[in-house]
Amino acid sequence: MPQTLGLIGSGMIGSSVARLAVAAGLEVVLSNARGPETLADLVADLGGRAARAGDLVVAAIPVKVYEQLPAEALAGKTVLDTANYYPERD
């Protein structure tokens, strides 16, 4: 079983999955488009430590920005996409 979960996106879905993963004993890596300084409160809340890469990656991003995913960095990894489409946003 993967030990590190990488999360691209820290909105409602990403932060919920992060909390559940930490509670299950996984290490969690978080990233978002707004920069690492915007993740400080969530990371402090989770009490987890960051790693450089996820063994398993969850893409919890708006559908309209899927082309911005780092395809090369994700090559060979298992990626789960939440496909969180919101008509009023996307």
C-alpha atoms as a PDB file:
ATOM      1  CA  MET A   1       0.000   0.000   0.000  1.00  0.00           C
ATOM      2  CA  PRO A   2       1.346   3.474  -0.832  1.00  0.00           C
ATOM      3  CA  GLN A   3       2.747   5.347   2.134  1.00  0.00           C
ATOM      4  CA  THR A   4       2.606   8.895   0.742  1.00  0.00           C
ATOM      5  CA  LEU A   5      -0.457  10.503  -0.793  1.00  0.00           C
ATOM      6  CA  GLY A   6       0.140  13.493  -3.055  1.00  0.00           C
ATOM      7  CA  LEU A   7      -2.722  15.970  -3.383  1.00  0.00           C
ATOM      8  CA  ILE A   8      -2.877  18.502  -6.182  1.00  0.00           C
ATOM      9  CA  GLY A   9      -5.523  20.938  -5.002  1.00  0.00           C
ATOM     10  CA  SER A  10      -6.394  21.888  -1.445  1.00  0.00           C
ATOM     11  CA  GLY A  11      -9.978  23.015  -1.737  1.00  0.00           C
ATOM     12  CA  MET A  12     -12.954  21.257  -0.181  1.00  0.00           C
ATOM     13  CA  ILE A  13     -12.216  17.878  -1.773  1.00  0.00           C
ATOM     14  CA  GLY A  14      -8.423  17.974  -1.447  1.00  0.00           C
ATOM     15  CA  SER A  15      -8.433  19.116   2.179  1.00  0.00           C
ATOM     16  CA  SER A  16     -11.071  16.507   3.108  1.00  0.00           C
ATOM     17  CA  VAL A  17      -9.077  13.709   1.485  1.00  0.00           C
ATOM     18  CA  ALA A  18      -5.916  15.011   3.201  1.00  0.00           C
ATOM     19  CA  ARG A  19      -7.563  14.894   6.636  1.00  0.00           C
ATOM     20  CA  LEU A  20      -8.819  11.345   6.043  1.00  0.00           C
ATOM     21  CA  ALA A  21      -5.433  10.194   4.752  1.00  0.00           C
ATOM     22  CA  VAL A  22      -3.576  11.612   7.764  1.00  0.00           C
ATOM     23  CA  ALA A  23      -6.118   9.970  10.072  1.00  0.00           C
ATOM     24  CA  ALA A  24      -5.404   6.666   8.268  1.00  0.00           C
ATOM     25  CA  GLY A  25      -1.679   7.046   8.915  1.00  0.00           C
ATOM     26  CA  LEU A  26      -0.485   8.140   5.481  1.00  0.00           C
ATOM     27  CA  GLU A  27       1.980  10.940   4.877  1.00  0.00           C
ATOM     28  CA  VAL A  28       0.403  13.686   2.788  1.00  0.00           C
ATOM     29  CA  VAL A  29       1.982  16.077   0.288  1.00  0.00           C
ATOM     30  CA  LEU A  30      -0.164  19.109  -0.614  1.00  0.00           C
ATOM     31  CA  SER A  31       0.109  21.530  -3.508  1.00  0.00           C
ATOM     32  CA  ASN A  32      -2.117  24.172  -5.026  1.00  0.00           C
ATOM     33  CA  ALA A  33      -2.038  26.969  -7.576  1.00  0.00           C
ATOM     34  CA  ARG A  34      -1.896  29.731  -4.956  1.00  0.00           C
ATOM     35  CA  GLY A  35       1.468  28.699  -3.523  1.00  0.00           C
ATOM     36  CA  PRO A  36       2.765  26.877  -0.453  1.00  0.00           C
ATOM     37  CA  GLU A  37       2.259  29.796   1.921  1.00  0.00           C
ATOM     38  CA  THR A  38      -1.521  29.412   1.507  1.00  0.00           C
ATOM     39  CA  LEU A  39      -1.326  25.840   2.809  1.00  0.00           C
ATOM     40  CA  ALA A  40       0.155  26.701   6.221  1.00  0.00           C
ATOM     41  CA  ASP A  41      -3.143  26.567   8.130  1.00  0.00           C
ATOM     42  CA  LEU A  42      -4.200  23.263   6.567  1.00  0.00           C
ATOM     43  CA  VAL A  43      -0.788  21.675   7.164  1.00  0.00           C
ATOM     44  CA  ALA A  44      -0.796  22.891  10.777  1.00  0.00           C
ATOM     45  CA  ASP A  45      -4.314  21.518  11.203  1.00  0.00           C
ATOM     46  CA  LEU A  46      -3.312  18.137   9.793  1.00  0.00           C
ATOM     47  CA  GLY A  47      -0.178  17.896  11.891  1.00  0.00           C
ATOM     48  CA  GLY A  48       1.568  16.114   9.047  1.00  0.00           C
ATOM     49  CA  ARG A  49       5.000  16.588   7.538  1.00  0.00           C
ATOM     50  CA  ALA A  50       5.631  17.212   3.859  1.00  0.00           C
ATOM     51  CA  ALA A  51       7.447  14.843   1.558  1.00  0.00           C
ATOM     52  CA  ARG A  52       8.705  15.555  -1.935  1.00  0.00           C
ATOM     53  CA  ALA A  53       6.509  13.150  -3.909  1.00  0.00           C
ATOM     54  CA  GLY A  54       3.424  11.001  -3.591  1.00  0.00           C
ATOM     55  CA  ASP A  55       3.278   7.287  -4.280  1.00  0.00           C
ATOM     56  CA  LEU A  56      -0.377   7.848  -5.125  1.00  0.00           C
ATOM     57  CA  VAL A  57      -1.644  11.222  -6.377  1.00  0.00           C
ATOM     58  CA  VAL A  58      -5.118  12.754  -6.190  1.00  0.00           C
ATOM     59  CA  ALA A  59      -5.899  15.567  -8.628  1.00  0.00           C
ATOM     60  CA  ALA A  60      -8.602  17.646  -6.934  1.00  0.00           C
ATOM     61  CA  ILE A  61      -8.600  20.599  -9.291  1.00  0.00           C
ATOM     62  CA  PRO A  62     -11.179  22.419 -11.403  1.00  0.00           C
ATOM     63  CA  VAL A  63     -11.821  20.715 -14.744  1.00  0.00           C
ATOM     64  CA  LYS A  64     -10.888  23.915 -16.574  1.00  0.00           C
ATOM     65  CA  VAL A  65      -7.233  23.688 -15.445  1.00  0.00           C
ATOM     66  CA  TYR A  66      -6.559  19.983 -16.043  1.00  0.00           C
ATOM     67  CA  GLU A  67      -4.070  20.822 -18.815  1.00  0.00           C
ATOM     68  CA  GLN A  68      -1.865  22.498 -16.188  1.00  0.00           C
ATOM     69  CA  LEU A  69      -1.194  19.192 -14.403  1.00  0.00           C
ATOM     70  CA  PRO A  70       2.521  18.300 -14.506  1.00  0.00           C
ATOM     71  CA  ALA A  71       2.188  15.305 -16.844  1.00  0.00           C
ATOM     72  CA  GLU A  72       5.903  14.505 -16.840  1.00  0.00           C
ATOM     73  CA  ALA A  73       6.077  14.467 -13.033  1.00  0.00           C
ATOM     74  CA  LEU A  74       3.007  12.201 -12.897  1.00  0.00           C
ATOM     75  CA  ALA A  75       4.282   9.680 -15.448  1.00  0.00           C
ATOM     76  CA  GLY A  76       4.300   6.174 -14.011  1.00  0.00           C
ATOM     77  CA  LYS A  77       2.246   7.101 -10.935  1.00  0.00           C
ATOM     78  CA  THR A  78      -1.294   6.150 -10.086  1.00  0.00           C
ATOM     79  CA  VAL A  79      -3.391   9.318 -10.371  1.00  0.00           C
ATOM     80  CA  LEU A  80      -6.960   9.602  -9.123  1.00  0.00           C
ATOM     81  CA  ASP A  81      -8.944  12.488 -10.577  1.00  0.00           C
ATOM     82  CA  THR A  82     -11.898  13.818  -8.611  1.00  0.00           C
ATOM     83  CA  ALA A  83     -13.170  15.629 -11.731  1.00  0.00           C
ATOM     84  CA  ASN A  84     -14.833  18.218  -9.542  1.00  0.00           C
ATOM     85  CA  TYR A  85     -16.836  20.082 -12.186  1.00  0.00           C
ATOM     86  CA  TYR A  86     -18.912  23.061 -11.092  1.00  0.00           C
ATOM     87  CA  PRO A  87     -20.938  24.652 -13.936  1.00  0.00           C
ATOM     88  CA  GLU A  88     -20.844  28.118 -12.374  1.00  0.00           C
ATOM     89  CA  ARG A  89     -17.028  28.003 -12.191  1.00  0.00           C
ATOM     90  CA  ASP A  90     -15.958  25.786 -15.083  1.00  0.00           C
END
